[in-house]
């Protein structure tokens, strides 16, 4: 029985991997990828530096995994918020606000995504690094495609003016991503204030009047 209790309390490989990703995201988001030390990530998790290589081949492999996981999460949430949408105004405001309805960890993930985007263009000779890099690139394309498809449907329904859906998608995502270059939790602006300002700007880019029906649905508080 005692052996079973010890085993039950032992962290799983998955939970340890998640702990490493969380610590690395915080470090990369705060200090930048180049200035973050791999050994400091291990220390934050409470393991030796060599133990990191059981989960990630390198610091870059970890970075690509953070980016790929974050993009997958954004894609799933976007698809959930727009699935079966009939009121495109409401769905549009919902997904725009969802882009700022974030935990501190998600804010850090966005900061990493934006700051280190250029590294996704570098082909890697390591199979594991390259697999993670390609996964992040594919999720980037998938997210853009999902947005463009949604906007095309909104245009067909007359909810927003006709325009090039792909360029419009990139304009909206570019405006959203620009926030993470400068936003810091605890700064002069709250995330809610940022959301109010940028959602209105995104709607203007899309040609949707500010008085359009607002999707005020918020996600349940994240733990």
Protein backbone atom coordinates (compact mmCIF):
# COMPACT_ATOMS: atom_id res chain seq x y z
CA UNK A 1 0.00 0.00 0.00
CA UNK A 2 2.82 2.39 0.91
CA UNK A 3 4.43 1.77 -2.45
CA UNK A 4 1.15 2.57 -4.20
CA UNK A 5 0.87 5.86 -2.28
CA UNK A 6 4.37 6.94 -3.26
CA UNK A 7 3.72 6.00 -6.88
CA UNK A 8 0.45 7.91 -6.92
CA UNK A 9 2.21 11.05 -5.71
CA UNK A 10 5.08 10.81 -8.15
CA UNK A 11 4.75 13.47 -10.90
CA UNK A 12 3.97 12.00 -14.31
CA UNK A 13 6.19 12.66 -17.32
CA UNK A 14 3.38 14.75 -18.78
CA UNK A 15 3.05 16.96 -15.70
CA UNK A 16 6.81 17.46 -15.56
CA UNK A 17 6.83 18.41 -19.23
CA UNK A 18 4.05 20.91 -18.59
CA UNK A 19 5.98 22.35 -15.64
CA UNK A 20 9.02 22.85 -17.87
CA UNK A 21 6.92 24.53 -20.54
CA UNK A 22 5.36 26.83 -17.94
CA UNK A 23 8.72 27.81 -16.47
CA UNK A 24 10.30 28.30 -19.89
CA UNK A 25 7.37 30.43 -21.08
CA UNK A 26 7.73 32.67 -18.03
CA UNK A 27 11.47 32.98 -18.60
CA UNK A 28 11.29 33.56 -22.36
CA UNK A 29 8.42 36.02 -21.92
CA UNK A 30 10.19 38.01 -19.21
CA UNK A 31 13.82 37.99 -20.35
CA UNK A 32 13.56 37.02 -24.02
CA UNK A 33 14.57 33.70 -25.54
CA UNK A 34 18.22 34.59 -26.18
CA UNK A 35 18.81 35.94 -22.67
CA UNK A 36 17.04 33.10 -20.88
CA UNK A 37 19.24 30.37 -19.47
CA UNK A 38 18.26 26.75 -19.90
CA UNK A 39 19.73 25.99 -16.48
CA UNK A 40 17.45 28.57 -14.86
CA UNK A 41 14.43 26.79 -16.32
CA UNK A 42 15.60 23.54 -14.74
CA UNK A 43 16.12 25.30 -11.41
CA UNK A 44 12.61 26.78 -11.52
CA UNK A 45 11.15 23.31 -12.05
CA UNK A 46 13.35 21.76 -9.37
CA UNK A 47 15.33 19.36 -11.56
CA UNK A 48 18.90 19.10 -12.77
CA UNK A 49 19.85 20.65 -16.10
CA UNK A 50 20.55 17.28 -17.69
CA UNK A 51 17.03 16.10 -16.81
CA UNK A 52 15.61 18.71 -19.20
CA UNK A 53 16.94 16.69 -22.12
CA UNK A 54 14.64 13.83 -21.25
CA UNK A 55 11.75 16.07 -22.33
CA UNK A 56 13.30 18.48 -24.83
CA UNK A 57 16.31 18.10 -27.06
CA UNK A 58 17.31 21.75 -26.62
CA UNK A 59 16.13 25.15 -25.49
CA UNK A 60 15.03 25.79 -29.10
CA UNK A 61 13.03 22.56 -29.16
CA UNK A 62 11.25 23.78 -26.02
CA UNK A 63 10.58 27.17 -27.63
CA UNK A 64 9.05 25.60 -30.73
CA UNK A 65 6.88 23.39 -28.51
CA UNK A 66 5.63 26.43 -26.57
CA UNK A 67 4.76 28.18 -29.82
CA UNK A 68 3.04 25.15 -31.36
CA UNK A 69 1.01 24.41 -28.23
CA UNK A 70 -0.05 28.06 -27.90
CA UNK A 71 -1.16 28.23 -31.52
CA UNK A 72 -3.08 24.97 -31.20
CA UNK A 73 -4.87 26.39 -28.18
CA UNK A 74 -5.78 29.58 -30.02
CA UNK A 75 -7.07 27.60 -32.98
CA UNK A 76 -9.25 25.33 -30.84
CA UNK A 77 -10.75 28.27 -28.99
CA UNK A 78 -11.42 30.14 -32.23
CA UNK A 79 -13.15 27.11 -33.73
CA UNK A 80 -15.24 26.61 -30.57
CA UNK A 81 -16.29 30.28 -30.53
CA UNK A 82 -17.29 30.38 -34.21
CA UNK A 83 -18.71 26.89 -34.76
CA UNK A 84 -22.20 27.07 -36.19
CA UNK A 85 -22.29 30.86 -35.92
CA UNK A 86 -25.46 32.41 -37.32
CA UNK A 87 -25.03 35.89 -35.85
CA UNK A 88 -21.70 36.91 -37.33
CA UNK A 89 -21.58 40.26 -35.55
CA UNK A 90 -21.88 38.57 -32.17
CA UNK A 91 -19.45 35.78 -33.03
CA UNK A 92 -16.94 38.28 -34.38
CA UNK A 93 -16.93 40.42 -31.24
CA UNK A 94 -16.78 37.26 -29.12
CA UNK A 95 -13.62 35.97 -30.80
CA UNK A 96 -12.00 39.41 -30.79
CA UNK A 97 -12.61 39.82 -27.07
CA UNK A 98 -11.49 36.23 -26.44
CA UNK A 99 -8.11 37.23 -27.83
CA UNK A 100 -7.62 39.40 -24.75
CA UNK A 101 -9.47 37.25 -22.20
CA UNK A 102 -6.23 35.65 -21.08
CA UNK A 103 -4.41 34.27 -18.09
CA UNK A 104 -0.95 35.61 -17.27
CA UNK A 105 0.52 32.41 -18.73
CA UNK A 106 -1.34 32.99 -22.00
CA UNK A 107 -0.13 36.60 -22.10
CA UNK A 108 3.43 35.32 -21.79
CA UNK A 109 2.81 32.76 -24.54
CA UNK A 110 1.61 35.51 -26.86
CA UNK A 111 4.66 37.60 -26.04
CA UNK A 112 6.92 34.67 -26.91
CA UNK A 113 5.00 33.94 -30.12
CA UNK A 114 5.37 37.50 -31.36
CA UNK A 115 8.94 38.09 -30.22
CA UNK A 116 10.38 34.86 -31.61
CA UNK A 117 8.31 34.47 -34.79
CA UNK A 118 11.37 34.84 -37.01
CA UNK A 119 12.88 31.64 -35.60
CA UNK A 120 10.10 29.62 -37.24
CA UNK A 121 11.67 30.38 -40.63
CA UNK A 122 14.89 28.52 -39.78
CA UNK A 123 15.07 24.91 -40.98
CA UNK A 124 16.52 22.61 -38.32
CA UNK A 125 18.65 19.53 -38.91
CA UNK A 126 17.50 17.96 -35.64
CA UNK A 127 14.40 15.83 -36.36
CA UNK A 128 12.71 16.70 -33.06
CA UNK A 129 13.34 20.42 -33.41
CA UNK A 130 12.18 20.37 -37.02
CA UNK A 131 9.02 18.43 -36.15
CA UNK A 132 8.09 20.99 -33.48
CA UNK A 133 8.96 23.88 -35.80
CA UNK A 134 6.79 22.48 -38.59
CA UNK A 135 3.92 21.91 -36.17
CA UNK A 136 4.06 25.57 -35.14
CA UNK A 137 4.17 26.71 -38.77
CA UNK A 138 1.23 24.47 -39.68
CA UNK A 139 -0.85 25.77 -36.77
CA UNK A 140 -0.06 29.34 -37.88
CA UNK A 141 -1.41 28.56 -41.35
CA UNK A 142 -4.41 26.70 -39.89
CA UNK A 143 -5.31 29.67 -37.69
CA UNK A 144 -5.08 32.10 -40.61
CA UNK A 145 -7.18 29.77 -42.77
CA UNK A 146 -9.84 29.42 -40.04
CA UNK A 147 -10.05 33.20 -39.69
CA UNK A 148 -10.21 33.75 -43.46
CA UNK A 149 -12.95 31.13 -43.83
CA UNK A 150 -14.99 32.71 -41.05
CA UNK A 151 -14.60 36.21 -42.51
CA UNK A 152 -15.53 34.94 -45.97
CA UNK A 153 -18.76 33.52 -44.56
CA UNK A 154 -19.45 36.81 -42.79
CA UNK A 155 -18.95 38.65 -46.08
CA UNK A 156 -21.30 36.26 -47.90
CA UNK A 157 -23.96 36.97 -45.26
CA UNK A 158 -23.46 40.72 -45.59
CA UNK A 159 -22.29 41.02 -41.98
CA UNK A 160 -19.08 42.79 -43.03
CA UNK A 161 -18.10 44.52 -46.29
CA UNK A 162 -16.55 42.51 -49.11
CA UNK A 163 -12.74 42.49 -49.13
CA UNK A 164 -9.81 40.13 -49.62
CA UNK A 165 -10.41 37.70 -46.75
CA UNK A 166 -6.78 36.66 -46.43
CA UNK A 167 -5.45 40.21 -46.31
CA UNK A 168 -8.20 41.20 -43.91
CA UNK A 169 -7.29 38.27 -41.68
CA UNK A 170 -3.66 39.32 -41.61
CA UNK A 171 -4.64 42.91 -40.83
CA UNK A 172 -6.76 41.84 -37.85
CA UNK A 173 -4.25 39.31 -36.52
CA UNK A 174 -1.41 41.77 -37.04
CA UNK A 175 -3.24 44.41 -35.00
CA UNK A 176 -3.91 41.89 -32.23
CA UNK A 177 -0.34 40.59 -32.21
CA UNK A 178 1.09 44.11 -32.00
CA UNK A 179 -0.20 44.36 -28.42
CA UNK A 180 2.21 41.74 -27.14
CA UNK A 181 5.25 43.77 -28.17
CA UNK A 182 4.52 46.30 -25.44
CA UNK A 183 1.78 45.11 -23.06
CA UNK A 184 2.93 44.22 -19.53
CA UNK A 185 0.70 43.04 -16.71
CA UNK A 186 0.63 45.59 -13.93
CA UNK A 187 1.35 48.45 -16.31
CA UNK A 188 -0.62 51.63 -16.87
CA UNK A 189 -3.34 49.83 -18.84
CA UNK A 190 -5.38 46.85 -17.76
CA UNK A 191 -6.00 44.04 -20.21
CA UNK A 192 -9.68 45.00 -20.22
CA UNK A 193 -8.80 48.55 -21.31
CA UNK A 194 -6.54 47.17 -24.01
CA UNK A 195 -9.33 44.86 -25.15
CA UNK A 196 -11.87 47.68 -25.34
CA UNK A 197 -9.55 49.81 -27.45
CA UNK A 198 -8.22 47.13 -29.80
CA UNK A 199 -11.51 45.33 -30.37
CA UNK A 200 -12.97 48.64 -31.57
CA UNK A 201 -9.97 49.17 -33.86
CA UNK A 202 -10.29 45.64 -35.29
CA UNK A 203 -13.99 46.20 -35.95
CA UNK A 204 -13.09 49.42 -37.77
CA UNK A 205 -10.60 47.53 -39.95
CA UNK A 206 -13.38 45.06 -40.78
CA UNK A 207 -15.81 47.85 -41.58
CA UNK A 208 -18.14 46.96 -38.72
CA UNK A 209 -19.74 49.95 -36.98
CA UNK A 210 -19.00 50.33 -33.29
CA UNK A 211 -22.69 50.14 -32.47
CA UNK A 212 -22.95 46.63 -33.95
CA UNK A 213 -24.39 44.07 -31.52
CA UNK A 214 -21.63 43.29 -29.03
CA UNK A 215 -20.78 39.75 -28.04
CA UNK A 216 -20.28 40.18 -24.31
CA UNK A 217 -20.01 36.51 -23.49
CA UNK A 218 -16.91 35.86 -21.46
CA UNK A 219 -15.24 32.56 -20.84
CA UNK A 220 -15.43 31.00 -17.43
CA UNK A 221 -12.57 32.07 -15.19
CA UNK A 222 -9.46 30.11 -16.01
CA UNK A 223 -7.62 28.33 -13.28
